[in-house]
N, C-alpha and C. Protein backbone atom coordinates (compact mmCIF):
# COMPACT_ATOMS: atom_id res chain seq x y z
N MET A 1 126.32 -63.13 73.62
CA MET A 1 126.35 -62.06 74.59
C MET A 1 127.65 -62.16 75.38
N PHE A 2 128.13 -61.02 75.79
CA PHE A 2 129.37 -60.97 76.55
C PHE A 2 129.30 -59.76 77.47
N VAL A 3 130.28 -59.64 78.34
CA VAL A 3 130.32 -58.52 79.29
C VAL A 3 130.52 -57.23 78.51
N SER A 4 129.85 -56.18 78.94
CA SER A 4 129.87 -54.85 78.33
C SER A 4 129.32 -54.87 76.91
N CYS A 5 128.38 -55.77 76.63
CA CYS A 5 127.72 -55.84 75.32
C CYS A 5 126.55 -54.86 75.32
N ASN A 6 126.36 -54.13 74.24
CA ASN A 6 125.25 -53.20 74.12
C ASN A 6 124.03 -53.94 73.61
N VAL A 7 122.88 -53.70 74.26
CA VAL A 7 121.61 -54.31 73.86
C VAL A 7 120.68 -53.18 73.43
N TYR A 8 120.12 -53.30 72.23
CA TYR A 8 119.26 -52.27 71.69
C TYR A 8 117.83 -52.79 71.60
N CYS A 9 116.86 -51.91 71.93
CA CYS A 9 115.44 -52.27 71.91
C CYS A 9 114.69 -51.29 71.02
N THR A 10 115.03 -51.25 69.74
CA THR A 10 114.38 -50.34 68.80
C THR A 10 114.03 -51.08 67.53
N LYS A 11 113.26 -50.41 66.68
CA LYS A 11 112.92 -51.00 65.38
C LYS A 11 114.12 -51.00 64.44
N LYS A 12 115.07 -50.11 64.67
CA LYS A 12 116.22 -50.00 63.78
C LYS A 12 117.42 -50.82 64.26
N ALA A 13 117.24 -51.62 65.32
CA ALA A 13 118.37 -52.40 65.85
C ALA A 13 118.76 -53.49 64.86
N ASN A 14 120.03 -53.86 64.89
CA ASN A 14 120.52 -54.94 64.03
C ASN A 14 120.06 -56.28 64.58
N LEU A 15 120.00 -57.27 63.69
CA LEU A 15 119.61 -58.62 64.09
C LEU A 15 120.83 -59.31 64.70
N VAL A 16 121.04 -59.08 66.00
CA VAL A 16 122.18 -59.63 66.74
C VAL A 16 121.62 -60.27 68.00
N VAL A 17 122.36 -61.24 68.53
CA VAL A 17 121.92 -61.91 69.75
C VAL A 17 121.78 -60.90 70.88
N GLY A 18 120.61 -60.87 71.52
CA GLY A 18 120.37 -59.97 72.64
C GLY A 18 119.50 -58.78 72.30
N ASN A 19 119.46 -58.35 71.04
CA ASN A 19 118.66 -57.20 70.68
C ASN A 19 117.18 -57.56 70.64
N VAL A 20 116.34 -56.55 70.90
CA VAL A 20 114.89 -56.74 70.91
C VAL A 20 114.32 -56.05 69.68
N LEU A 21 113.58 -56.82 68.87
CA LEU A 21 113.02 -56.31 67.62
C LEU A 21 111.55 -56.69 67.52
N PRO A 22 110.77 -55.92 66.74
CA PRO A 22 109.42 -56.38 66.42
C PRO A 22 109.49 -57.65 65.57
N LEU A 23 108.54 -58.53 65.76
CA LEU A 23 108.59 -59.83 65.10
C LEU A 23 108.46 -59.70 63.58
N ARG A 24 107.79 -58.65 63.12
CA ARG A 24 107.61 -58.50 61.67
C ARG A 24 108.90 -58.11 60.95
N LEU A 25 109.89 -57.62 61.69
CA LEU A 25 111.16 -57.22 61.07
C LEU A 25 112.20 -58.33 61.08
N ILE A 26 111.91 -59.45 61.73
CA ILE A 26 112.87 -60.55 61.79
C ILE A 26 112.64 -61.44 60.58
N PRO A 27 113.68 -61.80 59.85
CA PRO A 27 113.49 -62.62 58.64
C PRO A 27 113.08 -64.05 58.98
N GLU A 28 112.57 -64.74 57.96
CA GLU A 28 112.18 -66.14 58.14
C GLU A 28 113.40 -67.00 58.40
N ARG A 29 113.18 -68.15 59.05
CA ARG A 29 114.20 -69.12 59.46
C ARG A 29 115.16 -68.56 60.50
N ALA A 30 114.74 -67.51 61.20
CA ALA A 30 115.56 -66.98 62.29
C ALA A 30 115.13 -67.64 63.60
N ILE A 31 116.07 -67.81 64.50
CA ILE A 31 115.81 -68.42 65.80
C ILE A 31 115.56 -67.29 66.79
N VAL A 32 114.44 -67.35 67.49
CA VAL A 32 114.07 -66.31 68.45
C VAL A 32 113.69 -66.97 69.78
N CYS A 33 113.63 -66.15 70.83
CA CYS A 33 113.15 -66.63 72.13
C CYS A 33 112.41 -65.50 72.83
N SER A 34 111.62 -65.85 73.84
CA SER A 34 110.83 -64.90 74.63
C SER A 34 109.97 -64.02 73.72
N VAL A 35 109.05 -64.65 73.02
CA VAL A 35 108.18 -63.97 72.07
C VAL A 35 106.88 -63.58 72.77
N GLU A 36 106.43 -62.35 72.54
CA GLU A 36 105.16 -61.90 73.11
C GLU A 36 104.00 -62.52 72.35
N HIS A 37 103.02 -63.02 73.09
CA HIS A 37 101.80 -63.55 72.46
C HIS A 37 100.82 -62.41 72.20
N HIS A 38 100.67 -61.51 73.16
CA HIS A 38 99.89 -60.30 73.02
C HIS A 38 100.82 -59.12 73.28
N VAL A 39 100.48 -57.97 72.76
CA VAL A 39 101.34 -56.80 72.90
C VAL A 39 101.45 -56.42 74.37
N GLY A 40 102.68 -56.32 74.86
CA GLY A 40 102.92 -55.88 76.22
C GLY A 40 102.90 -56.96 77.28
N ASP A 41 102.82 -58.24 76.91
CA ASP A 41 102.81 -59.29 77.94
C ASP A 41 104.21 -59.75 78.32
N ARG A 42 105.24 -59.07 77.85
CA ARG A 42 106.64 -59.25 78.25
C ARG A 42 107.20 -60.62 77.87
N GLY A 43 106.67 -61.23 76.85
CA GLY A 43 107.23 -62.47 76.33
C GLY A 43 106.77 -63.69 77.09
N VAL A 44 105.96 -64.53 76.45
CA VAL A 44 105.47 -65.74 77.10
C VAL A 44 105.80 -67.00 76.31
N LEU A 45 106.22 -66.88 75.06
CA LEU A 45 106.51 -68.05 74.24
C LEU A 45 108.02 -68.27 74.17
N ALA A 46 108.42 -69.51 74.32
CA ALA A 46 109.83 -69.92 74.22
C ALA A 46 110.69 -69.18 75.23
N ARG A 47 110.36 -69.31 76.51
CA ARG A 47 111.08 -68.58 77.56
C ARG A 47 112.00 -69.45 78.39
N CYS A 48 111.86 -70.77 78.33
CA CYS A 48 112.63 -71.64 79.22
C CYS A 48 114.11 -71.61 78.85
N SER A 49 114.91 -72.13 79.75
CA SER A 49 116.35 -72.20 79.52
C SER A 49 116.63 -73.14 78.35
N GLY A 50 117.30 -72.66 77.33
CA GLY A 50 117.62 -73.46 76.16
C GLY A 50 116.48 -73.61 75.17
N ASP A 51 115.34 -72.99 75.43
CA ASP A 51 114.18 -73.11 74.55
C ASP A 51 114.26 -72.04 73.46
N TYR A 52 113.71 -72.33 72.30
CA TYR A 52 113.73 -71.37 71.21
C TYR A 52 112.56 -71.65 70.29
N ALA A 53 112.29 -70.69 69.43
CA ALA A 53 111.26 -70.83 68.40
C ALA A 53 111.87 -70.41 67.07
N ALA A 54 111.37 -70.99 66.00
CA ALA A 54 111.87 -70.66 64.67
C ALA A 54 110.74 -70.03 63.87
N ILE A 55 111.02 -68.90 63.25
CA ILE A 55 110.03 -68.26 62.38
C ILE A 55 110.09 -68.97 61.04
N ILE A 56 108.98 -69.58 60.64
CA ILE A 56 109.00 -70.36 59.41
C ILE A 56 108.16 -69.75 58.30
N LEU A 57 107.24 -68.83 58.63
CA LEU A 57 106.34 -68.34 57.59
C LEU A 57 105.80 -66.98 57.98
N THR A 58 105.69 -66.10 56.99
CA THR A 58 105.02 -64.83 57.16
C THR A 58 103.81 -64.84 56.25
N MET A 59 102.64 -64.58 56.81
CA MET A 59 101.44 -64.59 55.96
C MET A 59 100.68 -63.28 56.13
N THR A 60 100.04 -62.84 55.04
CA THR A 60 99.23 -61.65 55.06
C THR A 60 97.77 -62.07 55.13
N LEU A 61 97.09 -61.62 56.16
CA LEU A 61 95.69 -61.98 56.36
C LEU A 61 94.80 -60.97 55.64
N PRO A 62 93.51 -61.27 55.50
CA PRO A 62 92.62 -60.34 54.80
C PRO A 62 92.59 -58.94 55.43
N GLU A 63 92.89 -58.85 56.73
CA GLU A 63 92.90 -57.53 57.36
C GLU A 63 94.22 -56.81 57.11
N PHE A 64 95.09 -57.38 56.28
CA PHE A 64 96.38 -56.80 55.90
C PHE A 64 97.32 -56.62 57.09
N GLU A 65 97.21 -57.46 58.08
CA GLU A 65 98.20 -57.41 59.16
C GLU A 65 99.03 -58.67 59.09
N GLU A 66 100.30 -58.50 59.26
CA GLU A 66 101.20 -59.65 59.14
C GLU A 66 101.22 -60.43 60.44
N LYS A 67 101.19 -61.71 60.31
CA LYS A 67 101.29 -62.59 61.46
C LYS A 67 102.45 -63.54 61.22
N ARG A 68 103.17 -63.80 62.23
CA ARG A 68 104.26 -64.76 62.13
C ARG A 68 103.82 -66.05 62.81
N LYS A 69 104.05 -67.14 62.15
CA LYS A 69 103.73 -68.44 62.72
C LYS A 69 105.03 -69.09 63.16
N ARG A 70 105.03 -69.70 64.33
CA ARG A 70 106.23 -70.38 64.78
C ARG A 70 106.08 -71.87 64.51
N ASP A 71 107.17 -72.57 64.57
CA ASP A 71 107.19 -74.00 64.26
C ASP A 71 106.31 -74.75 65.23
N LYS A 72 105.44 -75.63 64.71
CA LYS A 72 104.51 -76.37 65.55
C LYS A 72 105.20 -77.39 66.42
N LYS A 73 106.40 -77.83 66.05
CA LYS A 73 107.07 -78.88 66.81
C LYS A 73 107.69 -78.36 68.09
N LEU A 74 107.83 -77.05 68.22
CA LEU A 74 108.53 -76.50 69.37
C LEU A 74 107.55 -76.23 70.50
N GLY A 75 107.55 -77.09 71.50
CA GLY A 75 106.79 -76.86 72.71
C GLY A 75 105.29 -77.01 72.58
N GLU A 76 104.79 -77.68 71.56
CA GLU A 76 103.36 -77.85 71.41
C GLU A 76 103.01 -79.32 71.55
N GLY A 77 101.74 -79.60 71.70
CA GLY A 77 101.30 -80.98 71.81
C GLY A 77 101.49 -81.53 73.21
N ARG A 78 101.64 -82.84 73.31
CA ARG A 78 101.76 -83.49 74.61
C ARG A 78 103.17 -83.27 75.16
N THR A 79 103.27 -82.63 76.30
CA THR A 79 104.57 -82.33 76.88
C THR A 79 105.01 -83.40 77.87
N GLU A 80 104.07 -84.16 78.46
CA GLU A 80 104.41 -85.20 79.41
C GLU A 80 103.60 -86.44 79.09
N LYS A 81 104.12 -87.58 79.50
CA LYS A 81 103.36 -88.81 79.36
C LYS A 81 102.22 -88.80 80.38
N PRO A 82 101.08 -89.41 80.07
CA PRO A 82 99.96 -89.39 81.01
C PRO A 82 100.25 -90.25 82.25
N ILE A 83 99.70 -89.82 83.38
CA ILE A 83 99.80 -90.61 84.61
C ILE A 83 98.64 -91.60 84.59
N LEU A 84 98.95 -92.87 84.44
CA LEU A 84 97.90 -93.86 84.19
C LEU A 84 97.29 -94.42 85.46
N LYS A 85 97.96 -94.32 86.59
CA LYS A 85 97.40 -94.87 87.82
C LYS A 85 97.83 -94.03 89.00
N GLY A 86 97.12 -94.21 90.11
CA GLY A 86 97.36 -93.38 91.28
C GLY A 86 98.72 -93.59 91.90
N GLY A 87 99.29 -94.80 91.77
CA GLY A 87 100.60 -95.05 92.35
C GLY A 87 101.67 -94.21 91.69
N ASN A 88 101.56 -93.99 90.39
CA ASN A 88 102.52 -93.13 89.69
C ASN A 88 102.41 -91.69 90.18
N ALA A 89 101.17 -91.24 90.41
CA ALA A 89 100.98 -89.89 90.92
C ALA A 89 101.55 -89.77 92.33
N TYR A 90 101.40 -90.82 93.12
CA TYR A 90 101.95 -90.80 94.48
C TYR A 90 103.46 -90.61 94.44
N HIS A 91 104.14 -91.39 93.61
CA HIS A 91 105.59 -91.29 93.55
C HIS A 91 106.04 -89.97 92.93
N LYS A 92 105.23 -89.40 92.05
CA LYS A 92 105.59 -88.12 91.45
C LYS A 92 105.50 -86.99 92.48
N PHE A 93 104.41 -86.98 93.26
CA PHE A 93 104.17 -85.87 94.17
C PHE A 93 104.73 -86.10 95.57
N ARG A 94 105.30 -87.27 95.84
CA ARG A 94 105.78 -87.57 97.18
C ARG A 94 106.97 -86.70 97.54
N VAL A 95 107.76 -86.30 96.56
CA VAL A 95 108.93 -85.47 96.84
C VAL A 95 108.59 -83.99 96.85
N LYS A 96 107.37 -83.65 96.51
CA LYS A 96 106.98 -82.24 96.46
C LYS A 96 106.28 -81.86 97.76
N ARG A 97 105.65 -80.71 97.75
CA ARG A 97 104.91 -80.26 98.91
C ARG A 97 103.62 -81.06 99.03
N SER A 98 102.85 -80.76 100.03
CA SER A 98 101.62 -81.53 100.26
C SER A 98 100.54 -81.03 99.30
N CYS A 99 100.72 -81.30 98.02
CA CYS A 99 99.76 -80.85 97.01
C CYS A 99 98.97 -82.02 96.43
N TRP A 100 99.16 -83.22 96.96
CA TRP A 100 98.46 -84.39 96.44
C TRP A 100 98.21 -85.35 97.57
N PRO A 101 97.10 -86.02 97.67
CA PRO A 101 95.91 -85.88 96.83
C PRO A 101 95.07 -84.68 97.25
N LYS A 102 94.36 -84.12 96.31
CA LYS A 102 93.44 -83.03 96.61
C LYS A 102 92.08 -83.66 96.87
N LEU A 103 91.65 -83.67 98.11
CA LEU A 103 90.40 -84.32 98.47
C LEU A 103 89.26 -83.33 98.31
N MET A 104 88.18 -83.81 97.73
CA MET A 104 87.01 -82.98 97.53
C MET A 104 85.84 -83.44 98.38
N ILE A 105 86.07 -84.40 99.28
CA ILE A 105 85.00 -84.92 100.11
C ILE A 105 84.93 -84.08 101.37
N LEU A 106 83.75 -83.59 101.70
CA LEU A 106 83.58 -82.76 102.87
C LEU A 106 82.85 -83.55 103.94
N MET A 107 83.17 -83.29 105.19
CA MET A 107 82.53 -83.97 106.30
C MET A 107 81.91 -82.92 107.21
N GLU A 108 80.69 -83.17 107.61
CA GLU A 108 79.99 -82.25 108.49
C GLU A 108 80.52 -82.38 109.91
N GLY A 109 80.25 -81.38 110.72
CA GLY A 109 80.70 -81.40 112.10
C GLY A 109 80.04 -82.49 112.93
N GLY A 110 78.86 -82.91 112.55
CA GLY A 110 78.17 -83.96 113.30
C GLY A 110 78.79 -85.32 113.12
N ASN A 111 79.62 -85.49 112.11
CA ASN A 111 80.22 -86.80 111.86
C ASN A 111 81.52 -87.01 112.62
N HIS A 112 82.14 -85.96 113.08
CA HIS A 112 83.38 -86.11 113.87
C HIS A 112 83.36 -85.08 114.98
N GLN A 113 82.55 -85.37 115.98
CA GLN A 113 82.32 -84.40 117.05
C GLN A 113 83.52 -84.33 118.00
N HIS A 114 83.74 -83.14 118.50
CA HIS A 114 84.61 -82.97 119.66
C HIS A 114 83.65 -82.65 120.79
N ILE A 115 83.35 -83.65 121.63
CA ILE A 115 82.21 -83.53 122.54
C ILE A 115 82.51 -82.67 123.75
N GLY A 116 83.77 -82.33 124.00
CA GLY A 116 84.09 -81.39 125.05
C GLY A 116 84.21 -81.98 126.44
N HIS A 117 84.07 -83.29 126.58
CA HIS A 117 84.22 -83.95 127.88
C HIS A 117 84.66 -85.38 127.61
N PRO A 118 85.12 -86.11 128.61
CA PRO A 118 85.56 -87.49 128.37
C PRO A 118 84.42 -88.36 127.86
N SER A 119 84.74 -89.30 127.00
CA SER A 119 83.71 -90.20 126.47
C SER A 119 83.38 -91.33 127.43
N THR A 120 84.17 -91.47 128.49
CA THR A 120 83.90 -92.52 129.48
C THR A 120 83.01 -91.98 130.59
N VAL A 121 82.37 -92.91 131.29
CA VAL A 121 81.51 -92.56 132.42
C VAL A 121 82.10 -93.23 133.65
N SER A 122 82.13 -92.53 134.77
CA SER A 122 82.73 -93.10 135.98
C SER A 122 81.91 -94.30 136.47
N GLY A 123 82.58 -95.17 137.21
CA GLY A 123 81.92 -96.39 137.68
C GLY A 123 80.87 -96.14 138.74
N ASP A 124 80.97 -95.01 139.48
CA ASP A 124 79.98 -94.74 140.52
C ASP A 124 78.92 -93.77 140.04
N ALA A 125 78.74 -93.64 138.74
CA ALA A 125 77.71 -92.76 138.20
C ALA A 125 76.33 -93.38 138.44
N PRO A 126 75.29 -92.55 138.53
CA PRO A 126 73.94 -93.10 138.70
C PRO A 126 73.52 -93.89 137.46
N LEU A 127 72.51 -94.73 137.64
CA LEU A 127 72.11 -95.66 136.58
C LEU A 127 71.63 -94.94 135.32
N GLY A 128 71.03 -93.82 135.44
CA GLY A 128 70.56 -93.12 134.25
C GLY A 128 71.69 -92.58 133.39
N LYS A 129 72.82 -92.31 134.04
CA LYS A 129 73.95 -91.76 133.31
C LYS A 129 74.92 -92.83 132.84
N LYS A 130 74.84 -94.02 133.45
CA LYS A 130 75.81 -95.07 133.17
C LYS A 130 75.43 -95.76 131.87
N SER A 131 75.92 -95.27 130.76
CA SER A 131 75.70 -95.90 129.46
C SER A 131 76.94 -95.65 128.62
N GLY A 132 77.24 -96.57 127.74
CA GLY A 132 78.41 -96.43 126.90
C GLY A 132 79.65 -96.98 127.57
N LEU A 133 80.72 -96.23 127.57
CA LEU A 133 82.00 -96.67 128.13
C LEU A 133 82.05 -96.28 129.61
N PHE A 134 81.53 -97.13 130.49
CA PHE A 134 81.57 -96.79 131.91
C PHE A 134 82.69 -97.56 132.59
N ALA A 135 83.44 -96.86 133.42
CA ALA A 135 84.59 -97.38 134.15
C ALA A 135 85.60 -98.03 133.22
N ALA A 136 85.81 -97.44 132.04
CA ALA A 136 86.74 -98.02 131.06
C ALA A 136 88.17 -97.63 131.39
N ARG A 137 89.08 -98.58 131.26
CA ARG A 137 90.50 -98.28 131.47
C ARG A 137 91.06 -97.48 130.29
N ARG A 138 90.59 -97.79 129.09
CA ARG A 138 91.07 -97.10 127.90
C ARG A 138 89.95 -97.05 126.87
N THR A 139 90.08 -96.13 125.91
CA THR A 139 89.11 -96.01 124.83
C THR A 139 89.88 -95.98 123.52
N GLY A 140 89.18 -96.13 122.43
CA GLY A 140 89.81 -96.03 121.12
C GLY A 140 90.15 -97.39 120.56
N LEU A 141 90.79 -97.37 119.40
CA LEU A 141 91.16 -98.59 118.68
C LEU A 141 92.29 -99.30 119.39
N LEU A 142 92.16 -100.62 119.56
CA LEU A 142 93.23 -101.40 120.17
C LEU A 142 94.38 -101.52 119.18
N ARG A 143 95.61 -101.24 119.66
CA ARG A 143 96.77 -101.29 118.79
C ARG A 143 97.87 -102.08 119.47
N GLY A 144 98.75 -102.66 118.69
CA GLY A 144 99.92 -103.34 119.23
C GLY A 144 99.59 -104.64 119.93
N GLN A 145 100.19 -104.86 121.11
CA GLN A 145 100.01 -106.11 121.84
C GLN A 145 98.59 -106.27 122.35
N ALA A 146 97.95 -105.15 122.68
CA ALA A 146 96.57 -105.24 123.15
C ALA A 146 95.67 -105.78 122.05
N ALA A 147 95.88 -105.34 120.82
CA ALA A 147 95.07 -105.83 119.71
C ALA A 147 95.36 -107.30 119.45
N ALA A 148 96.63 -107.70 119.54
CA ALA A 148 96.97 -109.11 119.33
C ALA A 148 96.35 -109.98 120.41
N GLY A 149 96.38 -109.51 121.67
CA GLY A 149 95.77 -110.27 122.76
C GLY A 149 94.27 -110.38 122.60
N ALA A 150 93.62 -109.30 122.13
CA ALA A 150 92.18 -109.34 121.92
C ALA A 150 91.82 -110.29 120.79
N ALA A 151 92.65 -110.34 119.75
CA ALA A 151 92.38 -111.26 118.63
C ALA A 151 92.51 -112.70 119.09
N LYS A 152 93.51 -113.00 119.93
CA LYS A 152 93.67 -114.36 120.45
C LYS A 152 92.49 -114.74 121.34
N ALA A 153 91.99 -113.77 122.12
CA ALA A 153 90.86 -114.05 123.00
C ALA A 153 89.60 -114.33 122.19
N ASP A 154 89.46 -113.69 121.02
CA ASP A 154 88.29 -113.94 120.18
C ASP A 154 88.29 -115.35 119.62
N TYR A 155 89.46 -115.88 119.27
CA TYR A 155 89.54 -117.21 118.68
C TYR A 155 89.52 -118.32 119.74
N ALA A 156 89.79 -117.99 120.99
CA ALA A 156 89.85 -119.01 122.04
C ALA A 156 88.47 -119.44 122.49
């Protein structure tokens, strides 16, 4: 193909690079690309950059319609090596968008409540209300130096 090249899309077009022809008119051992799988699907086979298909055989079926078979080695079978462990999948998808891991575990609202008020109770609360974290300076998981100090206190 070159600039100002004419491209023809007819049954009578010559077999030249760029022209569009019905598959039954292309001779065997010809290299083709962007082949329609069904009529009108605008080409789904051998569409990638540098990809191609080779017509190797024309066969007549009992219904007398010609079908062209393309080479089985081109783009068929296993296209990628299997991902054998989760670490490989992590490194594969880490550079992509947040599409991995896809979690299928659902949690009900009762398991992670947003209770709408502080979880601590004031120190001057009446005895019936004073339960749980009353007069607490902090809540939640101990992290950093506080966790290290608590661990030392447990062993002492």
